[in-house]
Amino acid sequence: MKNLMMRSTIFANLLLCGALFGQSAAPASTENKTNPSAAPAVKPVKTAAKSPYHPNRFAGRAGSYYRLVWGVDSLAVKWTESGEVIKFTYQVLDADKAKTLNDKKNEPSLIDPQAGVKLVVPSLEKVGQLRQSATPEDGKSYWMAFSNKGRRVKRGDRVSIVIGQFRADGLVVD
């Protein structure tokens, strides 16, 4: 009886040590003994590590600047419609500060110094400008579309968005 207790104590300690060092006790083998190259029944779980090579949306404290001064966050520029349209989106955090971005009097433009172009928001006859100009509300996302005729602005380019006094530099086109 004493021998059985000592064996079970040793076995429990071995399990505990394996757990402490990130190892698990070996499960009962269910592999095919005739085929040693068969895949094990339990597959390890792979976690997707965040790549250190993805650029940050903003350099330094620019994100804080846009949130505090202009009341907007999540600024993004996307290459859409096979490159014919560049879409600028943002989320409003403070509607009072973000009024400038939705003001119809302010003509928005997208500047790409690499391509040497300045894109504008097109105006359609029955629809008007391809942008949202309603009074901004906290927590809502807004967008505007810039015409990229000739596909001069490419994915990966760093562009600037200018709307009245608002200016966002160094946005990467996704």
N, C-alpha and C. Protein backbone atom coordinates (compact mmCIF):
# COMPACT_ATOMS: atom_id res chain seq x y z
N MET A 1 0.83 -1.19 0.00
CA MET A 1 0.00 0.00 0.00
C MET A 1 0.88 1.25 0.00
N LYS A 2 1.93 1.24 0.84
CA LYS A 2 2.83 2.38 0.92
C LYS A 2 3.54 2.57 -0.42
N ASN A 3 3.89 1.48 -1.07
CA ASN A 3 4.54 1.52 -2.37
C ASN A 3 3.62 2.14 -3.43
N LEU A 4 2.34 1.81 -3.39
CA LEU A 4 1.35 2.35 -4.32
C LEU A 4 1.17 3.84 -4.11
N MET A 5 1.14 4.31 -2.87
CA MET A 5 1.00 5.75 -2.57
C MET A 5 2.22 6.51 -3.06
N MET A 6 3.41 5.92 -2.89
CA MET A 6 4.62 6.59 -3.31
C MET A 6 4.65 6.71 -4.84
N ARG A 7 4.22 5.66 -5.56
CA ARG A 7 4.19 5.70 -7.01
C ARG A 7 3.19 6.75 -7.52
N SER A 8 2.03 6.81 -6.90
CA SER A 8 1.04 7.80 -7.33
C SER A 8 1.51 9.21 -7.02
N THR A 9 2.24 9.43 -5.94
CA THR A 9 2.79 10.75 -5.61
C THR A 9 3.83 11.15 -6.64
N ILE A 10 4.69 10.21 -7.01
CA ILE A 10 5.71 10.50 -8.02
C ILE A 10 5.05 10.82 -9.36
N PHE A 11 4.05 10.06 -9.73
CA PHE A 11 3.33 10.28 -10.98
C PHE A 11 2.67 11.67 -10.98
N ALA A 12 2.04 12.05 -9.88
CA ALA A 12 1.41 13.37 -9.77
C ALA A 12 2.44 14.47 -9.88
N ASN A 13 3.61 14.29 -9.27
CA ASN A 13 4.67 15.29 -9.34
C ASN A 13 5.20 15.43 -10.77
N LEU A 14 5.31 14.30 -11.49
CA LEU A 14 5.76 14.36 -12.88
C LEU A 14 4.76 15.13 -13.74
N LEU A 15 3.47 14.90 -13.52
CA LEU A 15 2.44 15.64 -14.26
C LEU A 15 2.52 17.13 -13.95
N LEU A 16 2.70 17.46 -12.68
CA LEU A 16 2.79 18.86 -12.27
C LEU A 16 4.01 19.53 -12.88
N CYS A 17 5.15 18.86 -12.89
CA CYS A 17 6.36 19.43 -13.48
C CYS A 17 6.18 19.65 -14.98
N GLY A 18 5.53 18.70 -15.64
CA GLY A 18 5.27 18.86 -17.08
C GLY A 18 4.38 20.07 -17.35
N ALA A 19 3.38 20.28 -16.51
CA ALA A 19 2.49 21.43 -16.68
C ALA A 19 3.23 22.73 -16.41
N LEU A 20 4.14 22.72 -15.43
CA LEU A 20 4.89 23.93 -15.11
C LEU A 20 5.82 24.34 -16.24
N PHE A 21 6.37 23.38 -16.94
CA PHE A 21 7.31 23.68 -18.01
C PHE A 21 6.65 23.71 -19.38
N GLY A 22 5.32 23.81 -19.44
CA GLY A 22 4.61 23.96 -20.70
C GLY A 22 4.47 22.67 -21.48
N GLN A 23 4.69 21.55 -20.86
CA GLN A 23 4.54 20.28 -21.54
C GLN A 23 3.34 19.56 -20.96
N SER A 24 2.74 18.75 -21.76
CA SER A 24 1.62 17.97 -21.26
C SER A 24 2.03 16.51 -21.20
N ALA A 25 1.34 15.79 -20.39
CA ALA A 25 1.63 14.37 -20.31
C ALA A 25 1.30 13.73 -21.65
N ALA A 26 2.08 12.76 -22.03
CA ALA A 26 1.87 12.11 -23.32
C ALA A 26 0.55 11.36 -23.30
N PRO A 27 -0.33 11.64 -24.27
CA PRO A 27 -1.60 10.92 -24.30
C PRO A 27 -1.37 9.48 -24.75
N ALA A 28 -2.35 8.68 -24.50
CA ALA A 28 -2.26 7.30 -24.95
C ALA A 28 -2.14 7.29 -26.45
N SER A 29 -1.22 6.52 -26.96
CA SER A 29 -0.94 6.52 -28.38
C SER A 29 -2.07 5.86 -29.15
N THR A 30 -2.58 6.59 -30.14
CA THR A 30 -3.63 6.04 -31.00
C THR A 30 -3.10 5.92 -32.42
N GLU A 31 -1.78 6.08 -32.59
CA GLU A 31 -1.17 6.01 -33.91
C GLU A 31 -1.20 4.60 -34.43
N ASN A 32 -1.14 4.51 -35.72
CA ASN A 32 -1.05 3.22 -36.36
C ASN A 32 0.38 2.73 -36.23
N LYS A 33 0.60 1.62 -35.52
CA LYS A 33 1.95 1.11 -35.28
C LYS A 33 2.61 0.64 -36.57
N THR A 34 1.83 0.26 -37.57
CA THR A 34 2.41 -0.22 -38.82
C THR A 34 2.86 0.92 -39.71
N ASN A 35 2.32 2.13 -39.50
CA ASN A 35 2.69 3.28 -40.32
C ASN A 35 3.22 4.38 -39.41
N PRO A 36 4.53 4.41 -39.15
CA PRO A 36 5.09 5.40 -38.22
C PRO A 36 5.04 6.82 -38.77
N SER A 37 4.85 7.01 -40.07
CA SER A 37 4.82 8.37 -40.63
C SER A 37 3.43 8.97 -40.60
N ALA A 38 2.46 8.23 -40.05
CA ALA A 38 1.09 8.75 -39.98
C ALA A 38 1.05 9.97 -39.07
N ALA A 39 0.18 10.91 -39.38
CA ALA A 39 0.06 12.14 -38.59
C ALA A 39 -0.51 11.82 -37.21
N PRO A 40 -0.04 12.50 -36.18
CA PRO A 40 -0.59 12.27 -34.85
C PRO A 40 -2.05 12.70 -34.77
N ALA A 41 -2.77 12.11 -33.82
CA ALA A 41 -4.19 12.40 -33.67
C ALA A 41 -4.42 13.83 -33.20
N VAL A 42 -3.49 14.38 -32.42
CA VAL A 42 -3.62 15.73 -31.90
C VAL A 42 -2.67 16.63 -32.65
N LYS A 43 -3.22 17.71 -33.26
CA LYS A 43 -2.39 18.64 -34.01
C LYS A 43 -2.15 19.88 -33.16
N PRO A 44 -0.94 20.43 -33.21
CA PRO A 44 -0.68 21.64 -32.43
C PRO A 44 -1.46 22.82 -32.99
N VAL A 45 -1.86 23.72 -32.13
CA VAL A 45 -2.61 24.90 -32.52
C VAL A 45 -1.62 26.00 -32.84
N LYS A 46 -1.76 26.59 -34.02
CA LYS A 46 -0.88 27.69 -34.42
C LYS A 46 -1.61 29.00 -34.18
N THR A 47 -0.93 29.94 -33.57
CA THR A 47 -1.52 31.26 -33.36
C THR A 47 -0.87 32.21 -34.35
N ALA A 48 -1.69 33.07 -34.92
CA ALA A 48 -1.19 34.04 -35.89
C ALA A 48 -0.52 35.18 -35.14
N ALA A 49 0.76 35.31 -35.35
CA ALA A 49 1.50 36.39 -34.71
C ALA A 49 1.34 37.65 -35.55
N LYS A 50 1.25 38.79 -34.90
CA LYS A 50 1.13 40.05 -35.61
C LYS A 50 2.48 40.39 -36.23
N SER A 51 2.45 40.69 -37.49
CA SER A 51 3.69 40.96 -38.22
C SER A 51 4.25 42.32 -37.80
N PRO A 52 5.54 42.37 -37.54
CA PRO A 52 6.13 43.67 -37.20
C PRO A 52 6.35 44.55 -38.42
N TYR A 53 6.06 44.02 -39.62
CA TYR A 53 6.34 44.75 -40.85
C TYR A 53 5.18 45.57 -41.37
N HIS A 54 4.00 45.46 -40.75
CA HIS A 54 2.88 46.29 -41.16
C HIS A 54 3.08 47.69 -40.62
N PRO A 55 2.99 48.70 -41.47
CA PRO A 55 3.22 50.06 -40.97
C PRO A 55 2.07 50.52 -40.08
N ASN A 56 2.41 51.37 -39.13
CA ASN A 56 1.37 51.99 -38.30
C ASN A 56 0.58 52.95 -39.16
N ARG A 57 -0.67 53.16 -38.80
CA ARG A 57 -1.50 54.09 -39.56
C ARG A 57 -0.89 55.50 -39.51
N PHE A 58 -0.42 55.89 -38.34
CA PHE A 58 0.11 57.24 -38.18
C PHE A 58 1.49 57.17 -37.51
N ALA A 59 2.32 58.10 -37.87
CA ALA A 59 3.62 58.19 -37.23
C ALA A 59 3.50 58.95 -35.92
N GLY A 60 4.16 58.45 -34.90
CA GLY A 60 4.21 59.14 -33.62
C GLY A 60 2.87 59.40 -32.99
N ARG A 61 2.60 60.65 -32.70
CA ARG A 61 1.38 61.02 -31.98
C ARG A 61 0.28 61.55 -32.88
N ALA A 62 0.37 61.27 -34.15
CA ALA A 62 -0.61 61.81 -35.10
C ALA A 62 -2.02 61.33 -34.78
N GLY A 63 -2.18 60.06 -34.40
CA GLY A 63 -3.50 59.53 -34.08
C GLY A 63 -4.14 60.28 -32.93
N SER A 64 -3.34 60.59 -31.91
CA SER A 64 -3.85 61.37 -30.77
C SER A 64 -4.23 62.78 -31.22
N TYR A 65 -3.44 63.35 -32.11
CA TYR A 65 -3.72 64.69 -32.62
C TYR A 65 -5.08 64.74 -33.31
N TYR A 66 -5.34 63.77 -34.20
CA TYR A 66 -6.62 63.75 -34.92
C TYR A 66 -7.80 63.54 -33.97
N ARG A 67 -7.61 62.73 -32.94
CA ARG A 67 -8.69 62.50 -31.97
C ARG A 67 -8.94 63.76 -31.13
N LEU A 68 -7.89 64.39 -30.64
CA LEU A 68 -8.05 65.54 -29.73
C LEU A 68 -8.43 66.83 -30.44
N VAL A 69 -7.80 67.12 -31.57
CA VAL A 69 -8.03 68.40 -32.25
C VAL A 69 -9.22 68.35 -33.19
N TRP A 70 -9.35 67.27 -33.96
CA TRP A 70 -10.39 67.20 -34.98
C TRP A 70 -11.56 66.30 -34.61
N GLY A 71 -11.45 65.52 -33.53
CA GLY A 71 -12.55 64.68 -33.08
C GLY A 71 -12.84 63.50 -33.99
N VAL A 72 -11.82 63.01 -34.71
CA VAL A 72 -12.00 61.87 -35.61
C VAL A 72 -10.95 60.79 -35.32
N ASP A 73 -11.28 59.57 -35.70
CA ASP A 73 -10.38 58.44 -35.50
C ASP A 73 -10.58 57.46 -36.66
N SER A 74 -9.74 56.47 -36.73
CA SER A 74 -9.83 55.40 -37.74
C SER A 74 -9.81 55.96 -39.16
N LEU A 75 -8.90 56.87 -39.43
CA LEU A 75 -8.76 57.41 -40.77
C LEU A 75 -8.20 56.32 -41.68
N ALA A 76 -8.83 56.12 -42.83
CA ALA A 76 -8.37 55.09 -43.76
C ALA A 76 -8.59 55.55 -45.19
N VAL A 77 -7.66 55.18 -46.07
CA VAL A 77 -7.76 55.48 -47.49
C VAL A 77 -7.67 54.14 -48.22
N LYS A 78 -8.68 53.83 -49.02
CA LYS A 78 -8.74 52.54 -49.71
C LYS A 78 -8.85 52.71 -51.21
N TRP A 79 -8.17 51.83 -51.91
CA TRP A 79 -8.18 51.76 -53.37
C TRP A 79 -9.35 50.88 -53.75
N THR A 80 -10.41 51.41 -54.35
CA THR A 80 -11.62 50.63 -54.65
C THR A 80 -12.00 50.74 -56.12
N GLU A 81 -12.98 49.96 -56.50
CA GLU A 81 -13.51 49.96 -57.87
C GLU A 81 -12.40 49.83 -58.90
N SER A 82 -11.52 48.85 -58.69
CA SER A 82 -10.38 48.57 -59.59
C SER A 82 -9.47 49.78 -59.75
N GLY A 83 -9.40 50.59 -58.72
CA GLY A 83 -8.50 51.73 -58.73
C GLY A 83 -9.09 53.00 -59.29
N GLU A 84 -10.31 52.97 -59.78
CA GLU A 84 -10.93 54.17 -60.34
C GLU A 84 -11.41 55.14 -59.26
N VAL A 85 -11.57 54.62 -58.04
CA VAL A 85 -12.07 55.44 -56.94
C VAL A 85 -11.17 55.21 -55.72
N ILE A 86 -10.83 56.28 -55.04
CA ILE A 86 -10.11 56.21 -53.77
C ILE A 86 -11.09 56.66 -52.70
N LYS A 87 -11.33 55.80 -51.72
CA LYS A 87 -12.33 56.07 -50.68
C LYS A 87 -11.64 56.44 -49.37
N PHE A 88 -12.02 57.59 -48.83
CA PHE A 88 -11.50 58.06 -47.54
C PHE A 88 -12.60 57.88 -46.50
N THR A 89 -12.30 57.16 -45.41
CA THR A 89 -13.27 56.95 -44.34
C THR A 89 -12.69 57.41 -43.01
N TYR A 90 -13.59 57.78 -42.11
CA TYR A 90 -13.20 58.21 -40.77
C TYR A 90 -14.37 58.03 -39.83
N GLN A 91 -14.07 57.90 -38.55
CA GLN A 91 -15.10 57.76 -37.53
C GLN A 91 -15.09 59.02 -36.68
N VAL A 92 -16.28 59.54 -36.41
CA VAL A 92 -16.41 60.76 -35.63
C VAL A 92 -16.50 60.41 -34.14
N LEU A 93 -15.63 61.04 -33.35
CA LEU A 93 -15.65 60.89 -31.91
C LEU A 93 -16.31 62.09 -31.24
N ASP A 94 -16.07 63.27 -31.79
CA ASP A 94 -16.62 64.51 -31.25
C ASP A 94 -17.23 65.29 -32.43
N ALA A 95 -18.55 65.33 -32.50
CA ALA A 95 -19.25 65.92 -33.64
C ALA A 95 -18.94 67.41 -33.80
N ASP A 96 -18.77 68.14 -32.71
CA ASP A 96 -18.49 69.58 -32.80
C ASP A 96 -17.15 69.84 -33.48
N LYS A 97 -16.15 69.06 -33.11
CA LYS A 97 -14.82 69.24 -33.69
C LYS A 97 -14.75 68.77 -35.14
N ALA A 98 -15.57 67.78 -35.50
CA ALA A 98 -15.51 67.17 -36.83
C ALA A 98 -16.39 67.87 -37.86
N LYS A 99 -17.06 68.97 -37.51
CA LYS A 99 -17.95 69.66 -38.45
C LYS A 99 -17.23 70.10 -39.72
N THR A 100 -15.97 70.46 -39.61
CA THR A 100 -15.20 70.93 -40.76
C THR A 100 -15.14 69.88 -41.86
N LEU A 101 -15.03 68.61 -41.49
CA LEU A 101 -14.90 67.55 -42.49
C LEU A 101 -16.18 67.34 -43.29
N ASN A 102 -17.33 67.63 -42.70
CA ASN A 102 -18.60 67.41 -43.39
C ASN A 102 -19.19 68.70 -43.98
N ASP A 103 -18.53 69.82 -43.81
CA ASP A 103 -19.03 71.10 -44.30
C ASP A 103 -18.97 71.14 -45.83
N LYS A 104 -20.11 71.42 -46.46
CA LYS A 104 -20.19 71.45 -47.93
C LYS A 104 -19.34 72.57 -48.53
N LYS A 105 -19.10 73.62 -47.76
CA LYS A 105 -18.32 74.76 -48.26
C LYS A 105 -16.86 74.39 -48.46
N ASN A 106 -16.36 73.41 -47.71
CA ASN A 106 -14.96 73.00 -47.82
C ASN A 106 -14.81 71.94 -48.91
N GLU A 107 -14.00 72.25 -49.89
CA GLU A 107 -13.76 71.34 -51.01
C GLU A 107 -12.66 70.34 -50.64
N PRO A 108 -12.98 69.06 -50.51
CA PRO A 108 -11.96 68.08 -50.15
C PRO A 108 -11.05 67.73 -51.33
N SER A 109 -9.80 67.43 -51.01
CA SER A 109 -8.87 67.00 -52.06
C SER A 109 -7.92 65.96 -51.48
N LEU A 110 -7.46 65.08 -52.36
CA LEU A 110 -6.49 64.05 -52.00
C LEU A 110 -5.23 64.36 -52.81
N ILE A 111 -4.12 64.53 -52.13
CA ILE A 111 -2.86 64.90 -52.79
C ILE A 111 -1.90 63.73 -52.69
N ASP A 112 -1.37 63.30 -53.83
CA ASP A 112 -0.37 62.24 -53.88
C ASP A 112 0.91 62.81 -54.49
N PRO A 113 1.90 63.14 -53.64
CA PRO A 113 3.12 63.74 -54.18
C PRO A 113 3.93 62.78 -55.06
N GLN A 114 3.84 61.45 -54.81
CA GLN A 114 4.59 60.49 -55.62
C GLN A 114 4.06 60.47 -57.05
N ALA A 115 2.74 60.52 -57.20
CA ALA A 115 2.13 60.51 -58.53
C ALA A 115 2.03 61.91 -59.11
N GLY A 116 2.17 62.92 -58.26
CA GLY A 116 2.06 64.30 -58.72
C GLY A 116 0.66 64.71 -59.11
N VAL A 117 -0.35 64.21 -58.35
CA VAL A 117 -1.74 64.52 -58.67
C VAL A 117 -2.49 65.04 -57.45
N LYS A 118 -3.56 65.76 -57.76
CA LYS A 118 -4.49 66.24 -56.73
C LYS A 118 -5.87 65.79 -57.18
N LEU A 119 -6.47 64.84 -56.43
CA LEU A 119 -7.77 64.31 -56.78
C LEU A 119 -8.87 65.07 -56.07
N VAL A 120 -10.03 65.16 -56.70
CA VAL A 120 -11.19 65.84 -56.13
C VAL A 120 -12.36 64.87 -56.04
N VAL A 121 -13.35 65.25 -55.25
CA VAL A 121 -14.58 64.47 -55.13
C VAL A 121 -15.45 64.81 -56.33
N PRO A 122 -15.82 63.81 -57.14
CA PRO A 122 -16.64 64.12 -58.32
C PRO A 122 -18.07 64.49 -57.92
N SER A 123 -18.70 65.27 -58.76
CA SER A 123 -20.08 65.69 -58.55
C SER A 123 -20.93 65.15 -59.69
N LEU A 124 -21.91 64.33 -59.34
CA LEU A 124 -22.80 63.76 -60.35
C LEU A 124 -24.05 64.62 -60.48
N GLU A 125 -24.64 64.65 -61.66
CA GLU A 125 -25.76 65.53 -61.96
C GLU A 125 -26.94 65.32 -61.01
N LYS A 126 -27.39 64.10 -60.83
CA LYS A 126 -28.57 63.84 -60.01
C LYS A 126 -28.26 63.51 -58.56
N VAL A 127 -27.03 63.13 -58.28
CA VAL A 127 -26.65 62.68 -56.93
C VAL A 127 -25.94 63.78 -56.15
N GLY A 128 -25.15 64.56 -56.84
CA GLY A 128 -24.34 65.57 -56.17
C GLY A 128 -22.95 65.02 -55.91
N GLN A 129 -22.25 65.61 -54.94
CA GLN A 129 -20.91 65.15 -54.62
C GLN A 129 -20.93 63.78 -53.97
N LEU A 130 -19.92 62.97 -54.27
CA LEU A 130 -19.82 61.64 -53.68
C LEU A 130 -19.14 61.73 -52.31
N ARG A 131 -19.88 62.32 -51.38
CA ARG A 131 -19.41 62.46 -50.00
C ARG A 131 -20.61 62.65 -49.10
N GLN A 132 -20.40 62.34 -47.83
CA GLN A 132 -21.46 62.57 -46.85
C GLN A 132 -21.25 63.96 -46.27
N SER A 133 -22.32 64.75 -46.29
CA SER A 133 -22.21 66.11 -45.78
C SER A 133 -23.25 66.42 -44.73
N ALA A 134 -23.89 65.40 -44.19
CA ALA A 134 -24.86 65.61 -43.11
C ALA A 134 -24.12 66.03 -41.84
N THR A 135 -24.86 66.60 -40.91
CA THR A 135 -24.26 66.99 -39.63
C THR A 135 -23.69 65.74 -38.97
N PRO A 136 -22.40 65.77 -38.60
CA PRO A 136 -21.80 64.57 -38.02
C PRO A 136 -22.39 64.23 -36.65
N GLU A 137 -22.41 62.92 -36.35
CA GLU A 137 -22.87 62.42 -35.06
C GLU A 137 -21.78 61.58 -34.44
N ASP A 138 -21.67 61.65 -33.12
CA ASP A 138 -20.65 60.88 -32.40
C ASP A 138 -20.83 59.38 -32.66
N GLY A 139 -19.71 58.69 -32.89
CA GLY A 139 -19.73 57.25 -33.04
C GLY A 139 -20.03 56.74 -34.43
N LYS A 140 -20.39 57.61 -35.36
CA LYS A 140 -20.72 57.16 -36.72
C LYS A 140 -19.51 57.33 -37.64
N SER A 141 -19.48 56.48 -38.67
CA SER A 141 -18.42 56.55 -39.67
C SER A 141 -18.91 57.28 -40.91
N TYR A 142 -18.02 58.00 -41.55
CA TYR A 142 -18.35 58.78 -42.74
C TYR A 142 -17.31 58.51 -43.82
N TRP A 143 -17.67 58.83 -45.06
CA TRP A 143 -16.79 58.54 -46.18
C TRP A 143 -16.92 59.61 -47.25
N MET A 144 -15.95 59.61 -48.14
CA MET A 144 -16.00 60.42 -49.36
C MET A 144 -15.16 59.69 -50.41
N ALA A 145 -15.55 59.83 -51.66
CA ALA A 145 -14.88 59.13 -52.75
C ALA A 145 -14.19 60.13 -53.67
N PHE A 146 -12.95 59.84 -54.00
CA PHE A 146 -12.17 60.69 -54.91
C PHE A 146 -12.01 59.96 -56.24
N SER A 147 -12.19 60.69 -57.33
CA SER A 147 -12.04 60.11 -58.67
C SER A 147 -10.55 59.92 -58.97
N ASN A 148 -10.17 58.69 -59.33
CA ASN A 148 -8.78 58.37 -59.64
C ASN A 148 -8.68 57.94 -61.11
N LYS A 149 -9.17 58.82 -61.99
CA LYS A 149 -9.17 58.52 -63.41
C LYS A 149 -7.73 58.34 -63.89
N GLY A 150 -7.50 57.26 -64.60
CA GLY A 150 -6.15 56.96 -65.06
C GLY A 150 -5.35 56.17 -64.03
N ARG A 151 -5.95 55.91 -62.89
CA ARG A 151 -5.33 55.12 -61.80
C ARG A 151 -3.93 55.60 -61.47
N ARG A 152 -3.79 56.90 -61.30
CA ARG A 152 -2.47 57.47 -60.98
C ARG A 152 -2.05 57.18 -59.54
N VAL A 153 -3.04 57.17 -58.62
CA VAL A 153 -2.74 56.84 -57.22
C VAL A 153 -2.77 55.33 -57.09
N LYS A 154 -1.71 54.76 -56.53
CA LYS A 154 -1.56 53.31 -56.41
C LYS A 154 -1.63 52.88 -54.95
N ARG A 155 -1.88 51.58 -54.75
CA ARG A 155 -1.81 51.01 -53.39
C ARG A 155 -0.40 51.19 -52.85
N GLY A 156 -0.34 51.54 -51.57
CA GLY A 156 0.96 51.73 -50.93
C GLY A 156 1.45 53.16 -50.97
N ASP A 157 0.86 54.00 -51.81
CA ASP A 157 1.26 55.42 -51.86
C ASP A 157 0.87 56.11 -50.56
N ARG A 158 1.65 57.08 -50.16
CA ARG A 158 1.33 57.91 -49.00
C ARG A 158 0.70 59.19 -49.52
N VAL A 159 -0.51 59.46 -49.03
CA VAL A 159 -1.27 60.60 -49.54
C VAL A 159 -1.66 61.54 -48.40
N SER A 160 -2.11 62.74 -48.78
CA SER A 160 -2.63 63.72 -47.84
C SER A 160 -4.08 64.02 -48.19
N ILE A 161 -4.89 64.16 -47.16
CA ILE A 161 -6.29 64.56 -47.34
C ILE A 161 -6.41 65.97 -46.78
N VAL A 162 -6.96 66.87 -47.60
CA VAL A 162 -7.14 68.27 -47.19
C VAL A 162 -8.61 68.62 -47.33
N ILE A 163 -9.22 69.07 -46.22
CA ILE A 163 -10.62 69.51 -46.21
C ILE A 163 -10.67 70.78 -45.38
N GLY A 164 -10.70 71.94 -46.04
CA GLY A 164 -10.68 73.21 -45.30
C GLY A 164 -9.38 73.33 -44.51
N GLN A 165 -9.49 73.53 -43.20
CA GLN A 165 -8.32 73.64 -42.34
C GLN A 165 -7.76 72.27 -41.92
N PHE A 166 -8.55 71.22 -42.13
CA PHE A 166 -8.13 69.86 -41.77
C PHE A 166 -7.13 69.35 -42.79
N ARG A 167 -6.07 68.73 -42.29
CA ARG A 167 -5.06 68.12 -43.16
C ARG A 167 -4.52 66.87 -42.48
N ALA A 168 -4.63 65.74 -43.17
CA ALA A 168 -4.08 64.47 -42.68
C ALA A 168 -3.00 64.03 -43.66
N ASP A 169 -1.76 64.00 -43.20
CA ASP A 169 -0.62 63.66 -44.05
C ASP A 169 -0.15 62.24 -43.78
N GLY A 170 0.41 61.63 -44.81
CA GLY A 170 1.06 60.34 -44.66
C GLY A 170 0.13 59.14 -44.54
N LEU A 171 -1.11 59.26 -45.00
CA LEU A 171 -2.03 58.13 -44.97
C LEU A 171 -1.66 57.16 -46.08
N VAL A 172 -1.60 55.88 -45.76
CA VAL A 172 -1.22 54.86 -46.73
C VAL A 172 -2.47 54.35 -47.44
N VAL A 173 -2.42 54.28 -48.76
CA VAL A 173 -3.54 53.76 -49.54
C VAL A 173 -3.52 52.24 -49.45
N ASP A 174 -4.60 51.68 -48.89
CA ASP A 174 -4.70 50.21 -48.75
C ASP A 174 -5.30 49.61 -49.99
